């Protein structure tokens, strides 16, 4: 009896799944009969990265905004692409802003020769600058 019930329930479930999958394969139509694919919205505008001067900070201790694209940068436990230009040694030849001294301190505030593990993953605090409109209006004014 239990096996029959199990087989019956499994069959009903499979039938329900098969019919809903078949419905998904059909062209969906709106209430007025138009195909949904004909009514797709235009592709959103892709914001471009701007290689410009850094933006001023809005409050003390704000992490500086990255003024260039970081697309394709590898930042993991073994490699950090940012440090190829921004480490204290490489910044002298690259002309990039060197990593701040605060990044060379351990959790107790003692100076270290390497970047602290807490500060190694740059994009957890720093974001790339992009010219995008805010989602909603606001009247925030940074420090002057």
N, C-alpha and C. Protein backbone atom coordinates (compact mmCIF):
# COMPACT_ATOMS: atom_id res chain seq x y z
N UNK A 1 0.82 -1.19 0.00
CA UNK A 1 0.00 0.00 0.00
C UNK A 1 0.87 1.26 0.00
N UNK A 2 1.91 1.28 0.87
CA UNK A 2 2.78 2.44 0.95
C UNK A 2 3.54 2.64 -0.36
N UNK A 3 3.97 1.53 -0.97
CA UNK A 3 4.70 1.65 -2.24
C UNK A 3 3.80 2.21 -3.33
N UNK A 4 2.56 1.76 -3.37
CA UNK A 4 1.62 2.25 -4.39
C UNK A 4 1.38 3.74 -4.22
N UNK A 5 1.23 4.16 -2.98
CA UNK A 5 1.00 5.58 -2.71
C UNK A 5 2.22 6.40 -3.10
N UNK A 6 3.41 5.90 -2.79
CA UNK A 6 4.65 6.59 -3.13
C UNK A 6 4.80 6.71 -4.65
N UNK A 7 4.52 5.63 -5.36
CA UNK A 7 4.62 5.65 -6.82
C UNK A 7 3.59 6.62 -7.40
N UNK A 8 2.39 6.63 -6.86
CA UNK A 8 1.34 7.53 -7.35
C UNK A 8 1.72 9.00 -7.11
N UNK A 9 2.24 9.31 -5.94
CA UNK A 9 2.64 10.69 -5.63
C UNK A 9 3.82 11.12 -6.50
N UNK A 10 4.78 10.22 -6.69
CA UNK A 10 5.93 10.53 -7.54
C UNK A 10 5.48 10.78 -8.97
N UNK A 11 4.57 9.96 -9.48
CA UNK A 11 4.06 10.14 -10.83
C UNK A 11 3.34 11.47 -10.99
N UNK A 12 2.54 11.84 -9.99
CA UNK A 12 1.82 13.10 -10.05
C UNK A 12 2.80 14.27 -10.04
N UNK A 13 3.83 14.17 -9.21
CA UNK A 13 4.83 15.22 -9.14
C UNK A 13 5.57 15.37 -10.47
N UNK A 14 5.96 14.25 -11.06
CA UNK A 14 6.66 14.29 -12.35
C UNK A 14 5.76 14.85 -13.46
N UNK A 15 4.48 14.48 -13.45
CA UNK A 15 3.55 14.99 -14.45
C UNK A 15 3.40 16.50 -14.30
N UNK A 16 3.29 16.97 -13.07
CA UNK A 16 3.16 18.40 -12.81
C UNK A 16 4.40 19.15 -13.29
N UNK A 17 5.58 18.59 -13.01
CA UNK A 17 6.83 19.21 -13.44
C UNK A 17 6.92 19.24 -14.97
N UNK A 18 6.57 18.14 -15.63
CA UNK A 18 6.66 18.06 -17.09
C UNK A 18 5.73 19.07 -17.75
N UNK A 19 4.52 19.21 -17.24
CA UNK A 19 3.58 20.16 -17.87
C UNK A 19 4.02 21.60 -17.64
N UNK A 20 4.55 21.90 -16.47
CA UNK A 20 5.00 23.28 -16.23
C UNK A 20 6.24 23.59 -17.06
N UNK A 21 7.10 22.61 -17.28
CA UNK A 21 8.28 22.80 -18.12
C UNK A 21 7.86 23.03 -19.57
N UNK A 22 6.86 22.28 -20.04
CA UNK A 22 6.38 22.44 -21.41
C UNK A 22 5.76 23.84 -21.58
N UNK A 23 5.07 24.33 -20.56
CA UNK A 23 4.50 25.68 -20.64
C UNK A 23 5.60 26.73 -20.77
N UNK A 24 6.74 26.52 -20.10
CA UNK A 24 7.84 27.47 -20.16
C UNK A 24 8.46 27.51 -21.54
N UNK A 25 8.36 26.43 -22.32
CA UNK A 25 8.96 26.39 -23.65
C UNK A 25 8.14 27.17 -24.67
N UNK A 26 6.85 27.36 -24.39
CA UNK A 26 6.00 28.10 -25.31
C UNK A 26 6.34 29.59 -25.24
N UNK A 27 6.05 30.31 -26.32
CA UNK A 27 6.27 31.76 -26.32
C UNK A 27 5.23 32.38 -25.41
N UNK A 28 5.69 33.11 -24.44
CA UNK A 28 4.77 33.77 -23.50
C UNK A 28 4.15 34.98 -24.18
N UNK A 29 2.90 35.23 -23.87
CA UNK A 29 2.19 36.34 -24.47
C UNK A 29 1.55 37.18 -23.37
N UNK A 30 1.41 38.47 -23.66
CA UNK A 30 0.75 39.37 -22.72
C UNK A 30 -0.75 39.22 -22.87
N UNK A 31 -1.51 39.94 -22.05
CA UNK A 31 -2.97 39.84 -22.11
C UNK A 31 -3.54 40.30 -23.46
N UNK A 32 -2.85 41.24 -24.13
CA UNK A 32 -3.35 41.70 -25.43
C UNK A 32 -2.82 40.84 -26.58
N UNK A 33 -2.10 39.75 -26.28
CA UNK A 33 -1.68 38.81 -27.31
C UNK A 33 -0.29 39.05 -27.87
N UNK A 34 0.38 40.13 -27.48
CA UNK A 34 1.72 40.40 -27.99
C UNK A 34 2.73 39.48 -27.31
N UNK A 35 3.75 39.11 -28.04
CA UNK A 35 4.82 38.29 -27.47
C UNK A 35 5.62 39.14 -26.49
N UNK A 36 5.97 38.56 -25.36
CA UNK A 36 6.76 39.29 -24.37
C UNK A 36 8.11 39.68 -24.95
N UNK A 37 8.67 38.85 -25.80
CA UNK A 37 9.97 39.14 -26.37
C UNK A 37 9.95 40.37 -27.26
N UNK A 38 8.80 40.71 -27.82
CA UNK A 38 8.68 41.92 -28.62
C UNK A 38 8.62 43.16 -27.74
N UNK A 39 8.31 42.99 -26.47
CA UNK A 39 8.10 44.10 -25.56
C UNK A 39 9.27 44.32 -24.61
N UNK A 40 10.44 43.76 -24.90
CA UNK A 40 11.57 43.89 -23.99
C UNK A 40 12.04 45.34 -23.92
N UNK A 41 12.47 45.74 -22.76
CA UNK A 41 12.95 47.10 -22.57
C UNK A 41 14.31 47.25 -23.24
N UNK A 42 14.69 48.48 -23.56
CA UNK A 42 16.00 48.68 -24.18
C UNK A 42 17.11 48.33 -23.21
N UNK A 43 18.26 47.98 -23.76
CA UNK A 43 19.41 47.63 -22.92
C UNK A 43 19.82 48.85 -22.09
N UNK A 44 20.09 48.65 -20.80
CA UNK A 44 20.47 49.80 -19.97
C UNK A 44 21.81 50.36 -20.40
N UNK A 45 21.99 51.66 -20.15
CA UNK A 45 23.24 52.31 -20.48
C UNK A 45 24.35 51.77 -19.60
N UNK A 46 25.48 51.42 -20.18
CA UNK A 46 26.61 50.93 -19.42
C UNK A 46 27.47 52.12 -19.03
N UNK A 47 27.70 52.26 -17.75
CA UNK A 47 28.50 53.37 -17.26
C UNK A 47 29.97 53.13 -17.60
N UNK A 48 30.63 54.16 -18.02
CA UNK A 48 32.05 54.07 -18.40
C UNK A 48 32.93 54.46 -17.23
N UNK A 49 34.09 53.84 -17.15
CA UNK A 49 35.07 54.20 -16.15
C UNK A 49 35.76 55.47 -16.62
N UNK A 50 36.06 56.34 -15.70
CA UNK A 50 36.74 57.58 -16.03
C UNK A 50 38.09 57.61 -15.34
N UNK A 51 39.15 57.63 -16.11
CA UNK A 51 40.49 57.77 -15.54
C UNK A 51 40.73 59.26 -15.32
N UNK A 52 40.41 59.71 -14.13
CA UNK A 52 40.49 61.13 -13.81
C UNK A 52 41.21 61.33 -12.48
N UNK A 53 41.29 62.56 -12.07
CA UNK A 53 41.85 62.87 -10.76
C UNK A 53 40.93 62.31 -9.68
N UNK A 54 41.50 61.91 -8.56
CA UNK A 54 40.65 61.37 -7.48
C UNK A 54 39.65 62.41 -6.97
N UNK A 55 38.50 61.93 -6.57
CA UNK A 55 37.48 62.79 -5.99
C UNK A 55 37.87 63.16 -4.56
N UNK A 56 37.48 64.34 -4.09
CA UNK A 56 37.78 64.69 -2.70
C UNK A 56 36.99 63.79 -1.75
N UNK A 57 37.51 63.61 -0.56
CA UNK A 57 36.85 62.77 0.44
C UNK A 57 35.69 63.54 1.06
N UNK A 58 34.64 62.80 1.44
CA UNK A 58 33.44 63.42 2.01
C UNK A 58 33.48 63.49 3.53
N UNK A 59 34.34 62.70 4.16
CA UNK A 59 34.44 62.70 5.61
C UNK A 59 35.82 62.19 6.01
N UNK A 60 36.28 62.51 7.21
CA UNK A 60 37.60 62.05 7.63
C UNK A 60 37.65 60.52 7.64
N UNK A 61 38.79 59.98 7.30
CA UNK A 61 39.02 58.53 7.29
C UNK A 61 38.26 57.80 6.18
N UNK A 62 37.64 58.54 5.24
CA UNK A 62 36.99 57.87 4.12
C UNK A 62 38.08 57.25 3.25
N UNK A 63 37.93 55.97 2.87
CA UNK A 63 38.91 55.38 1.96
C UNK A 63 38.86 56.12 0.62
N UNK A 64 40.01 56.46 0.05
CA UNK A 64 40.00 57.15 -1.25
C UNK A 64 39.31 56.30 -2.32
N UNK A 65 38.66 56.99 -3.25
CA UNK A 65 38.01 56.31 -4.37
C UNK A 65 39.07 56.02 -5.43
N UNK A 66 38.97 54.85 -6.05
CA UNK A 66 39.93 54.44 -7.08
C UNK A 66 39.57 55.18 -8.37
N UNK A 67 40.48 55.99 -8.95
CA UNK A 67 40.13 56.78 -10.13
C UNK A 67 40.35 56.06 -11.46
N UNK A 68 40.39 54.74 -11.44
CA UNK A 68 40.59 53.97 -12.68
C UNK A 68 39.85 52.65 -12.56
N UNK A 69 39.71 51.96 -13.67
CA UNK A 69 39.02 50.67 -13.68
C UNK A 69 39.86 49.61 -13.00
N UNK A 70 39.20 48.72 -12.27
CA UNK A 70 39.88 47.57 -11.67
C UNK A 70 39.34 46.27 -12.26
N UNK A 71 38.66 46.39 -13.39
CA UNK A 71 38.09 45.20 -14.03
C UNK A 71 39.23 44.26 -14.42
N UNK A 72 39.10 43.01 -14.04
CA UNK A 72 40.11 42.01 -14.36
C UNK A 72 41.25 41.94 -13.35
N UNK A 73 41.25 42.80 -12.34
CA UNK A 73 42.29 42.74 -11.32
C UNK A 73 42.10 41.48 -10.47
N UNK A 74 43.16 40.77 -10.25
CA UNK A 74 43.11 39.59 -9.39
C UNK A 74 43.57 40.02 -7.99
N UNK A 75 42.71 39.82 -7.03
CA UNK A 75 43.05 40.09 -5.64
C UNK A 75 42.60 38.87 -4.85
N UNK A 76 43.57 38.04 -4.49
CA UNK A 76 43.28 36.86 -3.69
C UNK A 76 44.42 36.64 -2.72
N UNK A 77 44.44 35.50 -2.04
CA UNK A 77 45.45 35.26 -1.01
C UNK A 77 46.87 35.21 -1.57
N UNK A 78 47.00 34.87 -2.85
CA UNK A 78 48.33 34.71 -3.44
C UNK A 78 48.78 35.93 -4.23
N UNK A 79 47.84 36.75 -4.68
CA UNK A 79 48.19 37.84 -5.58
C UNK A 79 47.31 39.06 -5.32
N UNK A 80 47.89 40.24 -5.49
CA UNK A 80 47.12 41.47 -5.38
C UNK A 80 47.63 42.42 -6.47
N UNK A 81 46.85 42.55 -7.55
CA UNK A 81 47.23 43.36 -8.70
C UNK A 81 47.45 44.83 -8.32
N UNK A 82 46.74 45.31 -7.32
CA UNK A 82 46.88 46.72 -6.91
C UNK A 82 48.30 47.03 -6.47
N UNK A 83 48.93 46.05 -5.82
CA UNK A 83 50.25 46.29 -5.25
C UNK A 83 51.35 46.35 -6.31
N UNK A 84 51.06 45.97 -7.55
CA UNK A 84 52.08 46.09 -8.59
C UNK A 84 52.39 47.55 -8.89
N UNK A 85 51.49 48.45 -8.58
CA UNK A 85 51.73 49.88 -8.76
C UNK A 85 51.75 50.65 -7.44
N UNK A 86 50.94 50.21 -6.47
CA UNK A 86 50.72 51.01 -5.27
C UNK A 86 51.55 50.60 -4.05
N UNK A 87 52.36 49.55 -4.13
CA UNK A 87 53.19 49.20 -2.98
C UNK A 87 54.22 50.32 -2.77
N UNK A 88 54.76 50.42 -1.58
CA UNK A 88 55.68 51.53 -1.30
C UNK A 88 56.91 51.50 -2.21
N UNK A 89 57.35 50.31 -2.62
CA UNK A 89 58.51 50.22 -3.53
C UNK A 89 58.12 50.59 -4.96
N UNK A 90 57.03 50.00 -5.46
CA UNK A 90 56.65 50.18 -6.86
C UNK A 90 56.05 51.55 -7.15
N UNK A 91 55.49 52.22 -6.16
CA UNK A 91 54.86 53.52 -6.40
C UNK A 91 55.90 54.56 -6.81
N UNK A 92 57.14 54.34 -6.42
CA UNK A 92 58.20 55.29 -6.79
C UNK A 92 58.46 55.28 -8.29
N UNK A 93 58.36 54.10 -8.91
CA UNK A 93 58.60 54.02 -10.36
C UNK A 93 57.31 54.20 -11.16
N UNK A 94 56.17 53.78 -10.61
CA UNK A 94 54.92 53.87 -11.36
C UNK A 94 54.27 55.24 -11.28
N UNK A 95 54.59 55.99 -10.23
CA UNK A 95 53.97 57.30 -10.04
C UNK A 95 52.60 57.22 -9.39
N UNK A 96 52.16 56.01 -9.02
CA UNK A 96 50.86 55.83 -8.38
C UNK A 96 50.93 56.25 -6.91
N UNK A 97 49.80 56.56 -6.35
CA UNK A 97 49.72 56.90 -4.93
C UNK A 97 50.12 55.68 -4.12
N UNK A 98 51.09 55.83 -3.20
CA UNK A 98 51.48 54.67 -2.40
C UNK A 98 50.41 54.31 -1.37
N UNK A 99 50.40 53.04 -0.98
CA UNK A 99 49.49 52.58 0.06
C UNK A 99 49.80 53.34 1.34
N UNK A 100 48.76 53.73 2.07
CA UNK A 100 48.94 54.51 3.29
C UNK A 100 49.70 53.77 4.38
N UNK A 101 50.36 54.52 5.24
CA UNK A 101 51.14 53.93 6.33
C UNK A 101 50.26 53.12 7.28
N UNK A 102 49.00 53.48 7.37
CA UNK A 102 48.09 52.75 8.26
C UNK A 102 47.92 51.30 7.81
N UNK A 103 48.19 51.01 6.55
CA UNK A 103 48.05 49.65 6.03
C UNK A 103 49.24 48.77 6.43
N UNK A 104 50.29 49.38 6.95
CA UNK A 104 51.48 48.65 7.36
C UNK A 104 51.55 48.52 8.87
N UNK A 105 50.42 48.33 9.52
CA UNK A 105 50.36 48.14 10.96
C UNK A 105 49.53 46.91 11.27
N UNK A 106 49.95 46.16 12.29
CA UNK A 106 49.18 44.99 12.67
C UNK A 106 47.99 45.42 13.54
N UNK A 107 47.24 44.47 14.02
CA UNK A 107 46.02 44.81 14.76
C UNK A 107 46.31 45.54 16.07
N UNK A 108 47.54 45.40 16.58
CA UNK A 108 47.91 46.10 17.81
C UNK A 108 48.49 47.48 17.54
N UNK A 109 48.64 47.84 16.24
CA UNK A 109 49.17 49.15 15.88
C UNK A 109 50.68 49.17 15.73
N UNK A 110 51.32 48.01 15.81
CA UNK A 110 52.78 47.93 15.64
C UNK A 110 53.12 47.94 14.16
N UNK A 111 54.16 48.68 13.76
CA UNK A 111 54.54 48.73 12.34
C UNK A 111 55.02 47.36 11.84
N UNK A 112 54.71 47.07 10.58
CA UNK A 112 55.15 45.83 9.93
C UNK A 112 55.83 46.16 8.61
N UNK A 113 56.59 45.20 8.09
CA UNK A 113 57.26 45.44 6.80
C UNK A 113 56.35 45.11 5.62
N UNK A 114 55.32 44.31 5.84
CA UNK A 114 54.36 43.95 4.79
C UNK A 114 53.00 44.55 5.12
N UNK A 115 52.17 44.63 4.11
CA UNK A 115 50.80 45.13 4.32
C UNK A 115 50.06 44.18 5.25
N UNK A 116 49.34 44.75 6.18
CA UNK A 116 48.57 43.96 7.14
C UNK A 116 47.54 43.11 6.40
N UNK A 117 47.31 41.91 6.90
CA UNK A 117 46.31 41.03 6.30
C UNK A 117 44.92 41.67 6.34
N UNK A 118 44.68 42.51 7.34
CA UNK A 118 43.38 43.19 7.44
C UNK A 118 43.19 44.22 6.33
N UNK A 119 44.27 44.67 5.71
CA UNK A 119 44.21 45.73 4.70
C UNK A 119 44.59 45.23 3.31
N UNK A 120 44.81 43.92 3.15
CA UNK A 120 45.33 43.36 1.91
C UNK A 120 44.30 43.37 0.77
N UNK A 121 43.03 43.16 1.08
CA UNK A 121 41.99 43.09 0.05
C UNK A 121 41.40 44.48 -0.18
N UNK A 122 42.03 45.23 -1.06
CA UNK A 122 41.77 46.66 -1.26
C UNK A 122 40.30 46.99 -1.50
N UNK A 123 39.63 46.20 -2.33
CA UNK A 123 38.28 46.56 -2.74
C UNK A 123 37.22 46.28 -1.68
N UNK A 124 37.64 45.83 -0.49
CA UNK A 124 36.65 45.73 0.58
C UNK A 124 36.36 47.11 1.15
N UNK A 125 37.26 48.07 0.93
CA UNK A 125 37.04 49.45 1.39
C UNK A 125 37.03 50.47 0.25
N UNK A 126 37.88 50.27 -0.73
CA UNK A 126 38.01 51.22 -1.84
C UNK A 126 37.12 50.79 -3.00
N UNK A 127 36.43 51.75 -3.62
CA UNK A 127 35.57 51.46 -4.76
C UNK A 127 36.04 52.29 -5.95
N UNK A 128 35.79 51.78 -7.15
CA UNK A 128 36.16 52.51 -8.35
C UNK A 128 35.19 53.65 -8.60
N UNK A 129 35.72 54.74 -9.06
CA UNK A 129 34.92 55.93 -9.36
C UNK A 129 34.16 55.69 -10.66
N UNK A 130 32.89 56.04 -10.67
CA UNK A 130 32.08 55.94 -11.88
C UNK A 130 31.07 57.07 -11.86
N UNK A 131 30.77 57.58 -13.04
CA UNK A 131 29.82 58.68 -13.16
C UNK A 131 28.42 58.10 -13.25
N UNK A 132 27.78 57.93 -12.12
CA UNK A 132 26.43 57.34 -12.09
C UNK A 132 25.51 58.24 -11.29
N UNK A 133 24.29 58.35 -11.74
CA UNK A 133 23.31 59.15 -11.01
C UNK A 133 22.89 58.40 -9.75
N UNK A 134 22.65 59.11 -8.66
CA UNK A 134 22.20 58.43 -7.44
C UNK A 134 20.81 57.81 -7.64
N UNK A 135 20.52 56.74 -6.89
CA UNK A 135 19.22 56.07 -6.99
C UNK A 135 18.08 56.97 -6.53
N UNK A 136 18.37 57.81 -5.56
CA UNK A 136 17.35 58.73 -5.06
C UNK A 136 18.02 60.04 -4.70
N UNK A 137 17.24 61.09 -4.72
CA UNK A 137 17.76 62.41 -4.40
C UNK A 137 18.20 62.46 -2.94
N UNK A 138 19.27 63.20 -2.68
CA UNK A 138 19.69 63.44 -1.30
C UNK A 138 20.39 64.78 -1.24
N UNK A 139 20.51 65.32 -0.05
CA UNK A 139 21.13 66.63 0.11
C UNK A 139 22.41 66.53 0.94
N UNK A 140 23.07 65.37 0.90
CA UNK A 140 24.32 65.18 1.64
C UNK A 140 25.39 66.10 1.13
N UNK A 141 26.08 66.75 2.05
CA UNK A 141 27.21 67.60 1.70
C UNK A 141 28.41 67.11 2.51
N UNK A 142 29.50 66.83 1.82
CA UNK A 142 30.71 66.39 2.49
C UNK A 142 31.37 67.51 3.24
N UNK A 143 32.46 67.18 3.90
CA UNK A 143 33.18 68.20 4.64
C UNK A 143 33.74 69.23 3.68
N UNK A 144 33.74 70.47 4.10
CA UNK A 144 34.25 71.53 3.25
C UNK A 144 35.50 72.13 3.82
